[in-house]
Amino acid sequence: QLQEHFDALRREHKETLQELQRAHEEEKLLLAES
């Protein structure tokens, strides 16, 4: 149960970080182009 919970947390954390990075990159490109 502990291992499953840990894996789920790790997945969630990874997805959140990827989403944040995508948003950052997008905003950076838009600002640079403008």
Full PDB file with SEQRES, HELIX, SHEET, SSBOND, CRYST1, ORIGX, SCALE, CONECT and MASTER records, all heavy atoms in Angstrom:
SEQRES   1 A   34  GLN LEU GLN GLU HIS PHE ASP ALA LEU ARG ARG GLU HIS          
SEQRES   2 A   34  LYS GLU THR LEU GLN GLU LEU GLN ARG ALA HIS GLU GLU          
SEQRES   3 A   34  GLU LYS LEU LEU LEU ALA GLU SER                              
HELIX    1 AA1 LEU A    2  GLU A   33  1                                  32    
CRYST1    1.000    1.000    1.000  90.00  90.00  90.00 P 1           1          
ORIGX1      1.000000  0.000000  0.000000        0.00000                         
ORIGX2      0.000000  1.000000  0.000000        0.00000                         
ORIGX3      0.000000  0.000000  1.000000        0.00000                         
SCALE1      1.000000  0.000000  0.000000        0.00000                         
SCALE2      0.000000  1.000000  0.000000        0.00000                         
SCALE3      0.000000  0.000000  1.000000        0.00000                         
ATOM      1  N   GLN A   1       0.854  -1.218   0.000  1.00  0.00           N  
ATOM      2  CA  GLN A   1       0.000   0.000   0.000  1.00  0.00           C  
ATOM      3  C   GLN A   1       0.885   1.261   0.000  1.00  0.00           C  
ATOM      4  O   GLN A   1       0.636   2.212  -0.738  1.00  0.00           O  
ATOM      5  CB  GLN A   1      -0.857  -0.013   1.267  1.00  0.00           C  
ATOM      6  CG  GLN A   1      -2.241   0.566   1.056  1.00  0.00           C  
ATOM      7  CD  GLN A   1      -3.081   0.394   2.319  1.00  0.00           C  
ATOM      8  OE1 GLN A   1      -2.713  -0.314   3.247  1.00  0.00           O  
ATOM      9  NE2 GLN A   1      -4.220   1.036   2.352  1.00  0.00           N  
ATOM     10  N   LEU A   2       1.932   1.227   0.817  1.00  0.00           N  
ATOM     11  CA  LEU A   2       2.867   2.339   0.929  1.00  0.00           C  
ATOM     12  C   LEU A   2       3.570   2.591  -0.403  1.00  0.00           C  
ATOM     13  O   LEU A   2       3.680   3.720  -0.870  1.00  0.00           O  
ATOM     14  CB  LEU A   2       3.904   2.022   2.025  1.00  0.00           C  
ATOM     15  CG  LEU A   2       4.905   3.129   2.370  1.00  0.00           C  
ATOM     16  CD1 LEU A   2       4.214   4.309   3.002  1.00  0.00           C  
ATOM     17  CD2 LEU A   2       5.975   2.597   3.315  1.00  0.00           C  
ATOM     18  N   GLN A   3       3.999   1.488  -1.025  1.00  0.00           N  
ATOM     19  CA  GLN A   3       4.688   1.585  -2.324  1.00  0.00           C  
ATOM     20  C   GLN A   3       3.769   2.183  -3.393  1.00  0.00           C  
ATOM     21  O   GLN A   3       4.162   3.059  -4.150  1.00  0.00           O  
ATOM     22  CB  GLN A   3       5.159   0.182  -2.748  1.00  0.00           C  
ATOM     23  CG  GLN A   3       5.864   0.137  -4.105  1.00  0.00           C  
ATOM     24  CD  GLN A   3       7.164   0.900  -4.129  1.00  0.00           C  
ATOM     25  OE1 GLN A   3       7.871   0.944  -3.148  1.00  0.00           O  
ATOM     26  NE2 GLN A   3       7.463   1.532  -5.240  1.00  0.00           N  
ATOM     27  N   GLU A   4       2.503   1.718  -3.415  1.00  0.00           N  
ATOM     28  CA  GLU A   4       1.537   2.225  -4.407  1.00  0.00           C  
ATOM     29  C   GLU A   4       1.287   3.713  -4.192  1.00  0.00           C  
ATOM     30  O   GLU A   4       1.244   4.498  -5.133  1.00  0.00           O  
ATOM     31  CB  GLU A   4       0.212   1.452  -4.301  1.00  0.00           C  
ATOM     32  CG  GLU A   4       0.269   0.109  -5.022  1.00  0.00           C  
ATOM     33  CD  GLU A   4      -0.949  -0.773  -4.722  1.00  0.00           C  
ATOM     34  OE1 GLU A   4      -1.889  -0.279  -4.087  1.00  0.00           O  
ATOM     35  OE2 GLU A   4      -0.935  -1.932  -5.140  1.00  0.00           O  
ATOM     36  N   HIS A   5       1.117   4.100  -2.939  1.00  0.00           N  
ATOM     37  CA  HIS A   5       0.871   5.507  -2.590  1.00  0.00           C  
ATOM     38  C   HIS A   5       2.070   6.374  -3.014  1.00  0.00           C  
ATOM     39  O   HIS A   5       1.905   7.442  -3.591  1.00  0.00           O  
ATOM     40  CB  HIS A   5       0.659   5.611  -1.070  1.00  0.00           C  
ATOM     41  CG  HIS A   5       0.348   6.996  -0.606  1.00  0.00           C  
ATOM     42  ND1 HIS A   5      -0.739   7.711  -1.069  1.00  0.00           N  
ATOM     43  CD2 HIS A   5       1.001   7.806   0.282  1.00  0.00           C  
ATOM     44  CE1 HIS A   5      -0.735   8.903  -0.493  1.00  0.00           C  
ATOM     45  NE2 HIS A   5       0.304   8.992   0.327  1.00  0.00           N  
ATOM     46  N   PHE A   6       3.251   5.854  -2.742  1.00  0.00           N  
ATOM     47  CA  PHE A   6       4.491   6.545  -3.094  1.00  0.00           C  
ATOM     48  C   PHE A   6       4.603   6.719  -4.609  1.00  0.00           C  
ATOM     49  O   PHE A   6       4.912   7.793  -5.107  1.00  0.00           O  
ATOM     50  CB  PHE A   6       5.678   5.742  -2.550  1.00  0.00           C  
ATOM     51  CG  PHE A   6       7.011   6.286  -2.972  1.00  0.00           C  
ATOM     52  CD1 PHE A   6       7.487   7.471  -2.434  1.00  0.00           C  
ATOM     53  CD2 PHE A   6       7.787   5.611  -3.901  1.00  0.00           C  
ATOM     54  CE1 PHE A   6       8.718   7.962  -2.818  1.00  0.00           C  
ATOM     55  CE2 PHE A   6       9.007   6.113  -4.286  1.00  0.00           C  
ATOM     56  CZ  PHE A   6       9.475   7.286  -3.745  1.00  0.00           C  
ATOM     57  N   ASP A   7       4.304   5.637  -5.375  1.00  0.00           N  
ATOM     58  CA  ASP A   7       4.351   5.686  -6.848  1.00  0.00           C  
ATOM     59  C   ASP A   7       3.360   6.702  -7.390  1.00  0.00           C  
ATOM     60  O   ASP A   7       3.678   7.464  -8.301  1.00  0.00           O  
ATOM     61  CB  ASP A   7       4.055   4.305  -7.442  1.00  0.00           C  
ATOM     62  CG  ASP A   7       5.231   3.353  -7.242  1.00  0.00           C  
ATOM     63  OD1 ASP A   7       6.339   3.855  -6.950  1.00  0.00           O  
ATOM     64  OD2 ASP A   7       5.047   2.134  -7.368  1.00  0.00           O  
ATOM     65  N   ALA A   8       2.143   6.725  -6.818  1.00  0.00           N  
ATOM     66  CA  ALA A   8       1.100   7.660  -7.268  1.00  0.00           C  
ATOM     67  C   ALA A   8       1.558   9.104  -7.032  1.00  0.00           C  
ATOM     68  O   ALA A   8       1.406   9.964  -7.893  1.00  0.00           O  
ATOM     69  CB  ALA A   8      -0.204   7.393  -6.528  1.00  0.00           C  
ATOM     70  N   LEU A   9       2.145   9.342  -5.846  1.00  0.00           N  
ATOM     71  CA  LEU A   9       2.641  10.682  -5.505  1.00  0.00           C  
ATOM     72  C   LEU A   9       3.745  11.110  -6.471  1.00  0.00           C  
ATOM     73  O   LEU A   9       3.778  12.250  -6.925  1.00  0.00           O  
ATOM     74  CB  LEU A   9       3.192  10.702  -4.082  1.00  0.00           C  
ATOM     75  CG  LEU A   9       2.171  10.933  -2.966  1.00  0.00           C  
ATOM     76  CD1 LEU A   9       2.847  10.758  -1.621  1.00  0.00           C  
ATOM     77  CD2 LEU A   9       1.559  12.326  -3.044  1.00  0.00           C  
ATOM     78  N   ARG A  10       4.619  10.165  -6.775  1.00  0.00           N  
ATOM     79  CA  ARG A  10       5.744  10.468  -7.671  1.00  0.00           C  
ATOM     80  C   ARG A  10       5.240  10.814  -9.073  1.00  0.00           C  
ATOM     81  O   ARG A  10       5.694  11.765  -9.686  1.00  0.00           O  
ATOM     82  CB  ARG A  10       6.694   9.269  -7.728  1.00  0.00           C  
ATOM     83  CG  ARG A  10       8.035   9.645  -8.372  1.00  0.00           C  
ATOM     84  CD  ARG A  10       9.124   8.685  -8.067  1.00  0.00           C  
ATOM     85  NE  ARG A  10       8.755   7.312  -8.393  1.00  0.00           N  
ATOM     86  CZ  ARG A  10       9.569   6.276  -8.222  1.00  0.00           C  
ATOM     87  NH1 ARG A  10      10.745   6.469  -7.696  1.00  0.00           N  
ATOM     88  NH2 ARG A  10       9.198   5.061  -8.533  1.00  0.00           N  
ATOM     89  N   ARG A  11       4.229  10.056  -9.532  1.00  0.00           N  
ATOM     90  CA  ARG A  11       3.642  10.317 -10.860  1.00  0.00           C  
ATOM     91  C   ARG A  11       3.013  11.701 -10.901  1.00  0.00           C  
ATOM     92  O   ARG A  11       3.222  12.481 -11.822  1.00  0.00           O  
ATOM     93  CB  ARG A  11       2.587   9.257 -11.195  1.00  0.00           C  
ATOM     94  CG  ARG A  11       3.178   8.035 -11.919  1.00  0.00           C  
ATOM     95  CD  ARG A  11       2.058   7.250 -12.589  1.00  0.00           C  
ATOM     96  NE  ARG A  11       0.998   6.850 -11.662  1.00  0.00           N  
ATOM     97  CZ  ARG A  11       1.046   5.763 -10.900  1.00  0.00           C  
ATOM     98  NH1 ARG A  11       2.107   4.967 -10.934  1.00  0.00           N  
ATOM     99  NH2 ARG A  11       0.039   5.458 -10.091  1.00  0.00           N  
ATOM    100  N   GLU A  12       2.224  11.985  -9.849  1.00  0.00           N  
ATOM    101  CA  GLU A  12       1.516  13.273  -9.760  1.00  0.00           C  
ATOM    102  C   GLU A  12       2.523  14.435  -9.755  1.00  0.00           C  
ATOM    103  O   GLU A  12       2.345  15.430 -10.452  1.00  0.00           O  
ATOM    104  CB  GLU A  12       0.690  13.292  -8.471  1.00  0.00           C  
ATOM    105  CG  GLU A  12      -0.369  14.383  -8.434  1.00  0.00           C  
ATOM    106  CD  GLU A  12      -1.101  14.400  -7.087  1.00  0.00           C  
ATOM    107  OE1 GLU A  12      -1.382  13.309  -6.532  1.00  0.00           O  
ATOM    108  OE2 GLU A  12      -1.354  15.499  -6.600  1.00  0.00           O  
ATOM    109  N   HIS A  13       3.573  14.256  -8.975  1.00  0.00           N  
ATOM    110  CA  HIS A  13       4.610  15.278  -8.857  1.00  0.00           C  
ATOM    111  C   HIS A  13       5.285  15.528 -10.209  1.00  0.00           C  
ATOM    112  O   HIS A  13       5.479  16.668 -10.624  1.00  0.00           O  
ATOM    113  CB  HIS A  13       5.633  14.801  -7.830  1.00  0.00           C  
ATOM    114  CG  HIS A  13       6.830  15.672  -7.720  1.00  0.00           C  
ATOM    115  ND1 HIS A  13       6.773  16.931  -7.177  1.00  0.00           N  
ATOM    116  CD2 HIS A  13       8.115  15.474  -8.115  1.00  0.00           C  
ATOM    117  CE1 HIS A  13       7.979  17.456  -7.215  1.00  0.00           C  
ATOM    118  NE2 HIS A  13       8.797  16.605  -7.787  1.00  0.00           N  
ATOM    119  N   LYS A  14       5.582  14.451 -10.928  1.00  0.00           N  
ATOM    120  CA  LYS A  14       6.239  14.539 -12.235  1.00  0.00           C  
ATOM    121  C   LYS A  14       5.352  15.278 -13.226  1.00  0.00           C  
ATOM    122  O   LYS A  14       5.795  16.157 -13.960  1.00  0.00           O  
ATOM    123  CB  LYS A  14       6.542  13.122 -12.732  1.00  0.00           C  
ATOM    124  CG  LYS A  14       7.557  13.109 -13.872  1.00  0.00           C  
ATOM    125  CD  LYS A  14       7.858  11.690 -14.281  1.00  0.00           C  
ATOM    126  CE  LYS A  14       8.720  11.646 -15.527  1.00  0.00           C  
ATOM    127  NZ  LYS A  14       8.886  10.295 -16.036  1.00  0.00           N  
ATOM    128  N   GLU A  15       4.044  14.927 -13.244  1.00  0.00           N  
ATOM    129  CA  GLU A  15       3.099  15.573 -14.173  1.00  0.00           C  
ATOM    130  C   GLU A  15       2.991  17.071 -13.888  1.00  0.00           C  
ATOM    131  O   GLU A  15       2.989  17.890 -14.790  1.00  0.00           O  
ATOM    132  CB  GLU A  15       1.716  14.915 -14.067  1.00  0.00           C  
ATOM    133  CG  GLU A  15       1.637  13.591 -14.821  1.00  0.00           C  
ATOM    134  CD  GLU A  15       0.439  12.735 -14.402  1.00  0.00           C  
ATOM    135  OE1 GLU A  15      -0.507  13.285 -13.819  1.00  0.00           O  
ATOM    136  OE2 GLU A  15       0.460  11.522 -14.668  1.00  0.00           O  
ATOM    137  N   THR A  16       2.890  17.418 -12.585  1.00  0.00           N  
ATOM    138  CA  THR A  16       2.785  18.844 -12.199  1.00  0.00           C  
ATOM    139  C   THR A  16       4.008  19.614 -12.661  1.00  0.00           C  
ATOM    140  O   THR A  16       3.893  20.708 -13.217  1.00  0.00           O  
ATOM    141  CB  THR A  16       2.650  18.975 -10.666  1.00  0.00           C  
ATOM    142  OG1 THR A  16       1.593  18.105 -10.235  1.00  0.00           O  
ATOM    143  CG2 THR A  16       2.315  20.381 -10.248  1.00  0.00           C  
ATOM    144  N   LEU A  17       5.179  19.038 -12.443  1.00  0.00           N  
ATOM    145  CA  LEU A  17       6.418  19.707 -12.843  1.00  0.00           C  
ATOM    146  C   LEU A  17       6.490  19.895 -14.349  1.00  0.00           C  
ATOM    147  O   LEU A  17       6.864  20.961 -14.837  1.00  0.00           O  
ATOM    148  CB  LEU A  17       7.630  18.891 -12.375  1.00  0.00           C  
ATOM    149  CG  LEU A  17       8.036  19.075 -10.915  1.00  0.00           C  
ATOM    150  CD1 LEU A  17       9.128  18.106 -10.551  1.00  0.00           C  
ATOM    151  CD2 LEU A  17       8.511  20.488 -10.638  1.00  0.00           C  
ATOM    152  N   GLN A  18       6.083  18.852 -15.112  1.00  0.00           N  
ATOM    153  CA  GLN A  18       6.099  18.950 -16.572  1.00  0.00           C  
ATOM    154  C   GLN A  18       5.161  20.052 -17.050  1.00  0.00           C  
ATOM    155  O   GLN A  18       5.495  20.832 -17.932  1.00  0.00           O  
ATOM    156  CB  GLN A  18       5.703  17.613 -17.198  1.00  0.00           C  
ATOM    157  CG  GLN A  18       6.852  16.608 -17.198  1.00  0.00           C  
ATOM    158  CD  GLN A  18       6.406  15.225 -17.630  1.00  0.00           C  
ATOM    159  OE1 GLN A  18       5.216  14.944 -17.717  1.00  0.00           O  
ATOM    160  NE2 GLN A  18       7.347  14.362 -17.910  1.00  0.00           N  
ATOM    161  N   GLU A  19       3.984  20.121 -16.436  1.00  0.00           N  
ATOM    162  CA  GLU A  19       2.975  21.132 -16.791  1.00  0.00           C  
ATOM    163  C   GLU A  19       3.529  22.541 -16.527  1.00  0.00           C  
ATOM    164  O   GLU A  19       3.401  23.439 -17.347  1.00  0.00           O  
ATOM    165  CB  GLU A  19       1.700  20.891 -15.957  1.00  0.00           C  
ATOM    166  CG  GLU A  19       0.471  21.641 -16.459  1.00  0.00           C  
ATOM    167  CD  GLU A  19       0.193  21.433 -17.932  1.00  0.00           C  
ATOM    168  OE1 GLU A  19       0.158  20.279 -18.398  1.00  0.00           O  
ATOM    169  OE2 GLU A  19       0.040  22.442 -18.631  1.00  0.00           O  
ATOM    170  N   LEU A  20       4.165  22.708 -15.359  1.00  0.00           N  
ATOM    171  CA  LEU A  20       4.767  23.998 -15.001  1.00  0.00           C  
ATOM    172  C   LEU A  20       5.841  24.408 -16.008  1.00  0.00           C  
ATOM    173  O   LEU A  20       5.900  25.549 -16.437  1.00  0.00           O  
ATOM    174  CB  LEU A  20       5.405  23.896 -13.616  1.00  0.00           C  
ATOM    175  CG  LEU A  20       4.530  24.309 -12.426  1.00  0.00           C  
ATOM    176  CD1 LEU A  20       5.241  23.947 -11.141  1.00  0.00           C  
ATOM    177  CD2 LEU A  20       4.258  25.807 -12.434  1.00  0.00           C  
ATOM    178  N   GLN A  21       6.670  23.428 -16.376  1.00  0.00           N  
ATOM    179  CA  GLN A  21       7.745  23.720 -17.323  1.00  0.00           C  
ATOM    180  C   GLN A  21       7.182  24.124 -18.681  1.00  0.00           C  
ATOM    181  O   GLN A  21       7.661  25.060 -19.302  1.00  0.00           O  
ATOM    182  CB  GLN A  21       8.648  22.492 -17.488  1.00  0.00           C  
ATOM    183  CG  GLN A  21       9.696  22.404 -16.380  1.00  0.00           C  
ATOM    184  CD  GLN A  21      10.538  21.168 -16.497  1.00  0.00           C  
ATOM    185  OE1 GLN A  21      10.031  20.075 -16.744  1.00  0.00           O  
ATOM    186  NE2 GLN A  21      11.822  21.297 -16.324  1.00  0.00           N  
ATOM    187  N   ARG A  22       6.117  23.409 -19.112  1.00  0.00           N  
ATOM    188  CA  ARG A  22       5.481  23.731 -20.401  1.00  0.00           C  
ATOM    189  C   ARG A  22       4.949  25.157 -20.390  1.00  0.00           C  
ATOM    190  O   ARG A  22       5.173  25.942 -21.305  1.00  0.00           O  
ATOM    191  CB  ARG A  22       4.341  22.755 -20.690  1.00  0.00           C  
ATOM    192  CG  ARG A  22       4.778  21.592 -21.597  1.00  0.00           C  
ATOM    193  CD  ARG A  22       3.561  20.949 -22.235  1.00  0.00           C  
ATOM    194  NE  ARG A  22       2.617  20.421 -21.266  1.00  0.00           N  
ATOM    195  CZ  ARG A  22       2.710  19.217 -20.712  1.00  0.00           C  
ATOM    196  NH1 ARG A  22       3.713  18.413 -21.034  1.00  0.00           N  
ATOM    197  NH2 ARG A  22       1.823  18.797 -19.845  1.00  0.00           N  
ATOM    198  N   ALA A  23       4.249  25.507 -19.305  1.00  0.00           N  
ATOM    199  CA  ALA A  23       3.667  26.851 -19.172  1.00  0.00           C  
ATOM    200  C   ALA A  23       4.766  27.926 -19.195  1.00  0.00           C  
ATOM    201  O   ALA A  23       4.629  28.944 -19.849  1.00  0.00           O  
ATOM    202  CB  ALA A  23       2.866  26.954 -17.881  1.00  0.00           C  
ATOM    203  N   HIS A  24       5.858  27.644 -18.480  1.00  0.00           N  
ATOM    204  CA  HIS A  24       6.985  28.571 -18.432  1.00  0.00           C  
ATOM    205  C   HIS A  24       7.551  28.815 -19.828  1.00  0.00           C  
ATOM    206  O   HIS A  24       7.771  29.941 -20.239  1.00  0.00           O  
ATOM    207  CB  HIS A  24       8.102  27.992 -17.559  1.00  0.00           C  
ATOM    208  CG  HIS A  24       8.163  28.624 -16.212  1.00  0.00           C  
ATOM    209  ND1 HIS A  24       7.334  28.255 -15.191  1.00  0.00           N  
ATOM    210  CD2 HIS A  24       8.940  29.625 -15.725  1.00  0.00           C  
ATOM    211  CE1 HIS A  24       7.623  28.983 -14.129  1.00  0.00           C  
ATOM    212  NE2 HIS A  24       8.580  29.824 -14.426  1.00  0.00           N  
ATOM    213  N   GLU A  25       7.801  27.703 -20.551  1.00  0.00           N  
ATOM    214  CA  GLU A  25       8.377  27.786 -21.892  1.00  0.00           C  
ATOM    215  C   GLU A  25       7.484  28.597 -22.814  1.00  0.00           C  
ATOM    216  O   GLU A  25       7.943  29.443 -23.561  1.00  0.00           O  
ATOM    217  CB  GLU A  25       8.576  26.367 -22.475  1.00  0.00           C  
ATOM    218  CG  GLU A  25       9.803  25.652 -21.956  1.00  0.00           C  
ATOM    219  CD  GLU A  25      11.110  26.384 -22.237  1.00  0.00           C  
ATOM    220  OE1 GLU A  25      11.269  26.951 -23.328  1.00  0.00           O  
ATOM    221  OE2 GLU A  25      11.968  26.410 -21.345  1.00  0.00           O  
ATOM    222  N   GLU A  26       6.154  28.311 -22.732  1.00  0.00           N  
ATOM    223  CA  GLU A  26       5.186  28.993 -23.589  1.00  0.00           C  
ATOM    224  C   GLU A  26       5.227  30.502 -23.346  1.00  0.00           C  
ATOM    225  O   GLU A  26       5.297  31.302 -24.274  1.00  0.00           O  
ATOM    226  CB  GLU A  26       3.777  28.464 -23.285  1.00  0.00           C  
ATOM    227  CG  GLU A  26       3.079  27.929 -24.530  1.00  0.00           C  
ATOM    228  CD  GLU A  26       1.813  27.154 -24.151  1.00  0.00           C  
ATOM    229  OE1 GLU A  26       0.788  27.805 -23.946  1.00  0.00           O  
ATOM    230  OE2 GLU A  26       1.892  25.922 -24.054  1.00  0.00           O  
ATOM    231  N   GLU A  27       5.146  30.879 -22.057  1.00  0.00           N  
ATOM    232  CA  GLU A  27       5.139  32.302 -21.697  1.00  0.00           C  
ATOM    233  C   GLU A  27       6.428  32.974 -22.148  1.00  0.00           C  
ATOM    234  O   GLU A  27       6.426  34.077 -22.666  1.00  0.00           O  
ATOM    235  CB  GLU A  27       4.972  32.465 -20.177  1.00  0.00           C  
ATOM    236  CG  GLU A  27       4.622  33.900 -19.806  1.00  0.00           C  
ATOM    237  CD  GLU A  27       4.429  34.112 -18.312  1.00  0.00           C  
ATOM    238  OE1 GLU A  27       4.347  33.120 -17.553  1.00  0.00           O  
ATOM    239  OE2 GLU A  27       4.349  35.272 -17.921  1.00  0.00           O  
ATOM    240  N   LYS A  28       7.539  32.265 -21.993  1.00  0.00           N  
ATOM    241  CA  LYS A  28       8.839  32.809 -22.371  1.00  0.00           C  
ATOM    242  C   LYS A  28       8.892  33.089 -23.881  1.00  0.00           C  
ATOM    243  O   LYS A  28       9.300  34.158 -24.316  1.00  0.00           O  
ATOM    244  CB  LYS A  28       9.930  31.802 -21.975  1.00  0.00           C  
ATOM    245  CG  LYS A  28      11.335  32.383 -22.000  1.00  0.00           C  
ATOM    246  CD  LYS A  28      12.324  31.405 -21.430  1.00  0.00           C  
ATOM    247  CE  LYS A  28      12.719  30.371 -22.470  1.00  0.00           C  
ATOM    248  NZ  LYS A  28      13.699  29.417 -21.992  1.00  0.00           N  
ATOM    249  N   LEU A  29       8.413  32.106 -24.684  1.00  0.00           N  
ATOM    250  CA  LEU A  29       8.419  32.257 -26.141  1.00  0.00           C  
ATOM    251  C   LEU A  29       7.524  33.405 -26.583  1.00  0.00           C  
ATOM    252  O   LEU A  29       7.896  34.207 -27.437  1.00  0.00           O  
ATOM    253  CB  LEU A  29       7.968  30.951 -26.813  1.00  0.00           C  
ATOM    254  CG  LEU A  29       8.976  29.803 -26.764  1.00  0.00           C  
ATOM    255  CD1 LEU A  29       8.350  28.517 -27.275  1.00  0.00           C  
ATOM    256  CD2 LEU A  29      10.203  30.118 -27.612  1.00  0.00           C  
ATOM    257  N   LEU A  30       6.312  33.491 -25.979  1.00  0.00           N  
ATOM    258  CA  LEU A  30       5.367  34.561 -26.332  1.00  0.00           C  
ATOM    259  C   LEU A  30       5.961  35.929 -26.044  1.00  0.00           C  
ATOM    260  O   LEU A  30       5.888  36.842 -26.867  1.00  0.00           O  
ATOM    261  CB  LEU A  30       4.057  34.397 -25.552  1.00  0.00           C  
ATOM    262  CG  LEU A  30       3.088  33.327 -26.076  1.00  0.00           C  
ATOM    263  CD1 LEU A  30       1.951  33.137 -25.088  1.00  0.00           C  
ATOM    264  CD2 LEU A  30       2.511  33.719 -27.429  1.00  0.00           C  
ATOM    265  N   LEU A  31       6.560  36.068 -24.859  1.00  0.00           N  
ATOM    266  CA  LEU A  31       7.165  37.342 -24.465  1.00  0.00           C  
ATOM    267  C   LEU A  31       8.320  37.714 -25.389  1.00  0.00           C  
ATOM    268  O   LEU A  31       8.431  38.856 -25.827  1.00  0.00           O  
ATOM    269  CB  LEU A  31       7.673  37.260 -23.020  1.00  0.00           C  
ATOM    270  CG  LEU A  31       6.638  37.460 -21.921  1.00  0.00           C  
ATOM    271  CD1 LEU A  31       7.265  37.181 -20.573  1.00  0.00           C  
ATOM    272  CD2 LEU A  31       6.079  38.875 -21.912  1.00  0.00           C  
ATOM    273  N   ALA A  32       9.157  36.733 -25.699  1.00  0.00           N  
ATOM    274  CA  ALA A  32      10.324  36.990 -26.552  1.00  0.00           C  
ATOM    275  C   ALA A  32       9.879  37.440 -27.942  1.00  0.00           C  
ATOM    276  O   ALA A  32      10.422  38.394 -28.504  1.00  0.00           O  
ATOM    277  CB  ALA A  32      11.185  35.733 -26.648  1.00  0.00           C  
ATOM    278  N   GLU A  33       8.864  36.756 -28.518  1.00  0.00           N  
ATOM    279  CA  GLU A  33       8.358  37.092 -29.859  1.00  0.00           C  
ATOM    280  C   GLU A  33       7.740  38.481 -29.864  1.00  0.00           C  
ATOM    281  O   GLU A  33       8.006  39.305 -30.739  1.00  0.00           O  
ATOM    282  CB  GLU A  33       7.332  36.023 -30.289  1.00  0.00           C  
ATOM    283  CG  GLU A  33       6.729  36.236 -31.672  1.00  0.00           C  
ATOM    284  CD  GLU A  33       7.753  36.353 -32.784  1.00  0.00           C  
ATOM    285  OE1 GLU A  33       8.864  35.806 -32.649  1.00  0.00           O  
ATOM    286  OE2 GLU A  33       7.458  37.025 -33.788  1.00  0.00           O  
ATOM    287  N   SER A  34       6.915  38.770 -28.850  1.00  0.00           N  
ATOM    288  CA  SER A  34       6.254  40.080 -28.750  1.00  0.00           C  
ATOM    289  C   SER A  34       7.304  41.186 -28.640  1.00  0.00           C  
ATOM    290  O   SER A  34       7.203  42.225 -29.273  1.00  0.00           O  
ATOM    291  CB  SER A  34       5.343  40.080 -27.520  1.00  0.00           C  
ATOM    292  OG  SER A  34       5.059  41.381 -27.125  1.00  0.00           O  
TER     293      SER A  34                                                      
MASTER        0    0    0    1    0    0    0    6  292    1    0    3          
END                                                                             
